[in-house]
N, C-alpha and C. Protein backbone atom coordinates (compact mmCIF):
# COMPACT_ATOMS: atom_id res chain seq x y z
N MET A 1 -28.79 8.13 -19.38
CA MET A 1 -28.19 9.53 -20.17
C MET A 1 -27.20 9.65 -18.79
N LEU A 2 -27.89 10.30 -18.01
CA LEU A 2 -27.32 10.54 -15.92
C LEU A 2 -26.21 9.60 -16.08
N GLY A 3 -27.10 8.70 -15.38
CA GLY A 3 -26.40 7.52 -15.14
C GLY A 3 -24.93 7.20 -15.77
N ILE A 4 -24.93 7.63 -17.40
CA ILE A 4 -23.51 6.54 -17.97
C ILE A 4 -22.83 7.86 -17.60
N ILE A 5 -23.15 8.98 -17.55
CA ILE A 5 -22.52 10.10 -17.59
C ILE A 5 -21.23 9.90 -16.12
N ARG A 6 -22.48 10.11 -15.60
CA ARG A 6 -22.06 9.55 -13.51
C ARG A 6 -20.95 8.54 -13.83
N LEU A 7 -21.04 7.25 -14.13
CA LEU A 7 -20.00 6.32 -14.93
C LEU A 7 -18.59 7.10 -15.73
N ILE A 8 -18.91 7.76 -16.47
CA ILE A 8 -17.58 8.06 -16.57
C ILE A 8 -17.25 9.26 -16.16
N VAL A 9 -17.60 10.37 -15.36
CA VAL A 9 -16.89 11.21 -14.40
C VAL A 9 -16.23 10.29 -13.27
N GLY A 10 -17.18 9.23 -12.78
CA GLY A 10 -16.50 8.12 -11.63
C GLY A 10 -15.19 7.74 -12.15
N GLY A 11 -15.70 7.76 -13.00
CA GLY A 11 -14.15 6.26 -13.77
C GLY A 11 -13.15 7.02 -14.07
N LEU A 12 -12.78 8.94 -14.82
CA LEU A 12 -12.11 8.91 -14.15
C LEU A 12 -11.33 9.80 -13.71
N ARG A 13 -12.21 9.69 -12.25
CA ARG A 13 -11.56 10.25 -10.94
C ARG A 13 -11.25 9.36 -10.50
N TRP A 14 -11.24 7.98 -10.81
CA TRP A 14 -10.79 6.81 -10.21
C TRP A 14 -9.51 6.62 -10.99
N LEU A 15 -9.16 7.29 -12.22
CA LEU A 15 -8.01 6.94 -13.08
C LEU A 15 -7.04 8.14 -13.11
N PHE A 16 -7.56 9.38 -12.16
CA PHE A 16 -6.72 10.32 -12.23
C PHE A 16 -6.37 10.44 -10.94
N GLY A 17 -7.11 10.74 -10.03
CA GLY A 17 -6.89 10.22 -8.70
C GLY A 17 -6.03 9.45 -8.36
N GLY A 18 -6.27 7.91 -8.69
CA GLY A 18 -5.01 7.43 -8.31
C GLY A 18 -3.79 8.11 -8.98
N ARG A 19 -3.38 8.24 -9.89
CA ARG A 19 -1.73 8.90 -10.21
C ARG A 19 -1.76 10.21 -9.52
N GLN A 20 -2.43 10.92 -8.91
CA GLN A 20 -2.16 11.99 -7.89
C GLN A 20 -2.01 12.16 -6.44
N ARG A 21 -3.01 10.13 -5.92
CA ARG A 21 -2.83 10.21 -4.92
C ARG A 21 -0.73 9.61 -4.83
N LYS A 22 -0.52 8.68 -5.66
CA LYS A 22 0.59 8.40 -6.54
C LYS A 22 1.99 9.06 -5.88
N ALA A 23 1.88 10.04 -7.08
CA ALA A 23 2.50 11.56 -7.07
C ALA A 23 3.20 12.11 -5.73
N ASN A 24 1.54 12.45 -5.16
CA ASN A 24 1.44 12.87 -3.69
C ASN A 24 2.69 12.11 -2.59
N LEU A 25 2.49 10.79 -2.95
CA LEU A 25 2.99 10.14 -1.87
C LEU A 25 4.82 9.82 -2.57
N GLN A 26 4.96 10.36 -3.84
CA GLN A 26 6.41 10.33 -4.19
C GLN A 26 7.26 11.37 -4.01
N GLN A 27 5.32 12.70 -3.26
CA GLN A 27 6.57 14.00 -3.01
C GLN A 27 6.96 14.05 -1.64
N SER A 28 5.83 14.26 -1.15
CA SER A 28 5.03 14.06 0.21
C SER A 28 5.97 13.06 1.48
N GLY A 29 6.58 12.05 0.25
CA GLY A 29 6.28 10.65 1.46
C GLY A 29 7.17 10.43 1.92
N VAL A 30 7.28 10.46 3.73
CA VAL A 30 8.46 9.49 4.09
C VAL A 30 8.78 8.11 4.02
N ASN A 31 9.63 7.69 4.64
CA ASN A 31 9.90 6.76 4.60
C ASN A 31 10.11 6.02 5.91
N ALA A 32 10.07 4.84 6.90
CA ALA A 32 10.19 4.88 8.22
C ALA A 32 9.76 3.05 8.68
N SER A 33 10.49 2.21 9.02
CA SER A 33 10.48 0.83 9.08
C SER A 33 9.19 0.75 9.62
N ALA A 34 9.39 -0.97 9.33
CA ALA A 34 7.83 -1.64 10.51
C ALA A 34 7.64 -2.96 10.34
N GLN A 35 6.58 -3.19 11.08
CA GLN A 35 7.22 -4.78 11.08
C GLN A 35 5.82 -5.93 11.10
N VAL A 36 5.72 -6.52 10.13
CA VAL A 36 4.92 -7.09 9.29
C VAL A 36 3.93 -7.83 10.25
N LEU A 37 2.12 -7.48 10.14
CA LEU A 37 1.85 -8.42 11.78
C LEU A 37 0.78 -8.73 10.89
N SER A 38 0.32 -8.99 9.64
CA SER A 38 -0.42 -10.51 9.01
C SER A 38 -0.18 -10.25 7.45
N VAL A 39 -0.09 -11.11 6.76
CA VAL A 39 -0.01 -11.21 5.43
C VAL A 39 -1.10 -12.37 5.23
N GLN A 40 -1.90 -11.97 4.17
CA GLN A 40 -2.83 -12.16 3.79
C GLN A 40 -3.14 -13.01 2.04
N ASP A 41 -3.94 -14.23 2.17
CA ASP A 41 -3.39 -13.70 -0.03
C ASP A 41 -4.94 -14.30 -0.36
N THR A 42 -4.90 -12.98 -1.26
CA THR A 42 -5.86 -12.42 -1.37
C THR A 42 -7.02 -13.42 -2.09
N GLY A 43 -6.18 -14.33 -3.30
CA GLY A 43 -7.26 -16.00 -3.73
C GLY A 43 -6.20 -15.74 -5.79
N SER A 44 -5.57 -14.51 -5.74
CA SER A 44 -5.04 -13.95 -7.23
C SER A 44 -3.89 -13.74 -6.98
N SER A 45 -3.38 -14.66 -8.56
CA SER A 45 -1.89 -13.64 -8.89
C SER A 45 -1.67 -13.37 -10.17
N VAL A 46 -0.44 -13.84 -10.24
CA VAL A 46 0.28 -13.20 -11.44
C VAL A 46 1.24 -13.87 -11.75
N ASN A 47 0.88 -14.68 -12.83
CA ASN A 47 2.88 -15.72 -13.50
C ASN A 47 3.58 -16.10 -12.11
N GLY A 48 1.84 -17.19 -11.56
CA GLY A 48 2.08 -17.72 -10.18
C GLY A 48 2.13 -16.81 -8.16
N ASN A 49 2.67 -15.55 -8.68
CA ASN A 49 3.09 -14.79 -7.63
C ASN A 49 1.72 -13.93 -7.16
N PRO A 50 1.79 -14.37 -6.18
CA PRO A 50 0.38 -14.52 -5.16
C PRO A 50 -0.22 -12.43 -5.14
N ARG A 51 -0.46 -12.15 -5.02
CA ARG A 51 -1.54 -10.65 -4.27
C ARG A 51 -1.92 -10.70 -3.08
N VAL A 52 -1.42 -10.59 -2.01
CA VAL A 52 -1.30 -10.45 -0.55
C VAL A 52 -1.98 -9.27 -0.25
N VAL A 53 -2.59 -9.38 0.61
CA VAL A 53 -2.55 -7.13 1.47
C VAL A 53 -2.01 -8.03 2.74
N ILE A 54 -0.79 -7.06 2.99
CA ILE A 54 0.32 -6.86 3.89
C ILE A 54 0.06 -5.85 5.17
N THR A 55 -0.49 -6.27 5.99
CA THR A 55 -0.53 -4.85 7.30
C THR A 55 0.57 -5.35 8.03
N ALA A 56 1.00 -3.97 8.70
CA ALA A 56 2.16 -3.45 8.84
C ALA A 56 1.99 -2.32 10.44
N ARG A 57 2.92 -2.34 11.18
CA ARG A 57 2.59 -1.34 12.09
C ARG A 57 4.13 -0.88 11.61
N VAL A 58 3.34 0.35 11.09
CA VAL A 58 4.52 1.45 10.99
C VAL A 58 5.24 2.41 11.70
N THR A 59 6.95 2.25 12.52
CA THR A 59 7.22 3.51 13.58
C THR A 59 8.18 4.75 13.41
N PRO A 60 7.10 5.77 13.03
CA PRO A 60 7.89 6.54 12.37
C PRO A 60 8.96 7.42 13.10
N ASP A 61 9.78 7.78 12.39
CA ASP A 61 11.86 8.28 12.62
C ASP A 61 11.11 9.46 13.59
N ASP A 62 10.07 10.17 13.13
CA ASP A 62 10.46 11.54 14.48
C ASP A 62 9.57 11.08 16.01
N GLY A 63 9.32 10.01 15.41
CA GLY A 63 9.06 9.63 17.00
C GLY A 63 7.98 10.36 17.21
N GLY A 64 6.99 10.05 16.73
CA GLY A 64 5.50 10.00 16.30
C GLY A 64 5.32 8.34 16.50
N GLU A 65 3.35 8.84 17.13
CA GLU A 65 2.63 7.29 17.45
C GLU A 65 2.96 6.72 16.79
N PRO A 66 2.97 4.91 16.99
CA PRO A 66 3.46 3.91 16.17
C PRO A 66 1.55 3.91 14.98
N PHE A 67 1.28 3.41 14.15
CA PHE A 67 0.07 3.04 13.59
C PHE A 67 0.06 1.96 12.19
N ASP A 68 -0.64 1.31 12.36
CA ASP A 68 -0.87 0.53 11.13
C ASP A 68 -0.88 0.70 9.85
N VAL A 69 -0.88 -0.52 8.31
CA VAL A 69 -1.45 0.95 7.59
C VAL A 69 -1.29 -1.29 6.66
N SER A 70 -2.11 -1.09 5.64
CA SER A 70 -2.26 -2.55 4.52
C SER A 70 -2.83 -2.01 3.68
N ASN A 71 -1.77 -2.74 2.21
CA ASN A 71 -1.68 -2.47 1.14
C ASN A 71 -1.93 -4.22 0.39
N LYS A 72 -2.48 -3.98 -0.39
CA LYS A 72 -2.88 -4.68 -1.69
C LYS A 72 -1.73 -4.85 -2.43
N GLN A 73 -0.70 -6.33 -2.86
CA GLN A 73 0.53 -6.32 -3.89
C GLN A 73 0.56 -7.23 -3.90
N LEU A 74 1.25 -7.89 -5.48
CA LEU A 74 1.84 -8.92 -5.01
C LEU A 74 3.03 -8.91 -4.65
N VAL A 75 3.28 -10.03 -4.37
CA VAL A 75 4.56 -9.97 -4.37
C VAL A 75 5.28 -11.77 -4.90
N SER A 76 6.96 -12.23 -4.67
CA SER A 76 7.40 -12.97 -5.48
C SER A 76 6.91 -13.78 -4.84
N ARG A 77 6.42 -14.63 -5.16
CA ARG A 77 6.05 -16.03 -4.59
C ARG A 77 7.28 -16.69 -4.15
N VAL A 78 9.03 -16.93 -3.24
CA VAL A 78 10.21 -16.97 -3.43
C VAL A 78 10.40 -16.19 -1.86
N ALA A 79 9.98 -15.71 -2.12
CA ALA A 79 9.83 -14.12 -1.30
C ALA A 79 8.55 -13.72 -0.09
N ILE A 80 8.03 -13.98 0.44
CA ILE A 80 6.19 -13.85 0.73
C ILE A 80 6.48 -13.16 2.38
N PRO A 81 6.79 -12.12 2.66
CA PRO A 81 6.75 -11.91 3.31
C PRO A 81 6.02 -12.61 5.06
N ARG A 82 6.56 -12.92 5.49
CA ARG A 82 5.95 -13.73 7.80
C ARG A 82 5.56 -12.91 8.08
N ALA A 83 4.41 -12.96 8.99
CA ALA A 83 4.79 -12.01 10.16
C ALA A 83 5.59 -12.24 10.79
N GLY A 84 6.18 -10.24 11.85
CA GLY A 84 7.56 -10.46 11.97
C GLY A 84 8.43 -10.16 11.61
N ASP A 85 8.66 -9.56 9.84
CA ASP A 85 9.56 -9.55 9.11
C ASP A 85 9.29 -7.81 9.07
N THR A 86 10.41 -7.26 8.89
CA THR A 86 10.81 -5.74 9.32
C THR A 86 11.30 -5.44 7.91
N VAL A 87 10.15 -4.17 7.36
CA VAL A 87 9.79 -4.09 6.07
C VAL A 87 9.78 -2.20 5.97
N THR A 88 10.14 -1.78 4.80
CA THR A 88 10.31 -0.49 4.89
C THR A 88 9.00 -0.08 3.99
N VAL A 89 8.38 1.40 4.50
CA VAL A 89 6.77 1.21 4.61
C VAL A 89 7.25 2.84 3.88
N ARG A 90 6.22 3.51 3.15
CA ARG A 90 6.30 5.02 2.88
C ARG A 90 5.44 5.21 2.61
N TYR A 91 4.79 6.71 3.51
CA TYR A 91 3.65 6.56 3.51
C TYR A 91 3.28 8.41 3.30
N VAL A 92 2.34 9.07 3.75
CA VAL A 92 1.64 10.15 3.52
C VAL A 92 1.41 10.96 4.94
N PRO A 93 2.50 11.88 6.02
CA PRO A 93 1.86 11.54 6.57
C PRO A 93 0.55 12.13 6.95
N ASP A 94 0.25 12.93 6.58
CA ASP A 94 -0.81 13.82 7.09
C ASP A 94 -2.09 12.37 6.30
N ASP A 95 -1.59 11.80 5.74
CA ASP A 95 -3.18 10.27 5.25
C ASP A 95 -1.93 8.89 5.53
N HIS A 96 -2.09 8.43 6.27
CA HIS A 96 -1.26 7.36 6.64
C HIS A 96 -1.79 6.89 5.13
N SER A 97 -3.12 6.67 4.87
CA SER A 97 -4.16 5.69 4.17
C SER A 97 -3.31 5.59 2.82
N ASN A 98 -2.30 6.80 2.70
CA ASN A 98 -1.36 6.63 1.44
C ASN A 98 -0.18 6.23 2.02
N CYS A 99 0.20 5.17 1.12
CA CYS A 99 1.22 4.03 1.67
C CYS A 99 1.99 2.91 0.73
N ALA A 100 3.14 2.68 0.31
CA ALA A 100 3.41 1.11 -0.41
C ALA A 100 4.01 0.83 1.17
N ILE A 101 4.72 -0.65 0.41
CA ILE A 101 5.69 -1.71 1.51
C ILE A 101 6.24 -2.00 0.17
N SER A 102 7.54 -1.49 0.35
CA SER A 102 8.24 -2.04 0.04
C SER A 102 8.84 -3.68 0.99
N VAL A 103 8.21 -4.46 0.18
CA VAL A 103 9.08 -5.96 0.84
C VAL A 103 10.33 -6.34 -0.65
N ASN A 104 11.35 -6.27 0.40
CA ASN A 104 12.59 -6.60 0.05
C ASN A 104 12.80 -8.06 -0.54
N ALA A 105 13.14 -8.77 -1.35
CA ALA A 105 13.77 -10.40 -1.45
C ALA A 105 14.73 -10.62 -1.77
């Protein structure tokens, strides 16, 4: 019984924690340019569009030290980013793991 309760509580934290992170990104996030370092196919797709892991080096507009971020996301099969491409990244300054990479099609 205790295992089931832990599973339910963990699921609720995952569900609502993700929403809280997304809201924090929208409210506290800042945009910056980034250069794509790598794109790795995860092997899954939706309607023929691949799900990939994009790793990019962010250069903060405030002159801070560049840092790397990775994000797993769905991209258009006709506009898959490549290493060297420039993208826009939105990130939370206090938590670089909370980010979104915008790939312009």
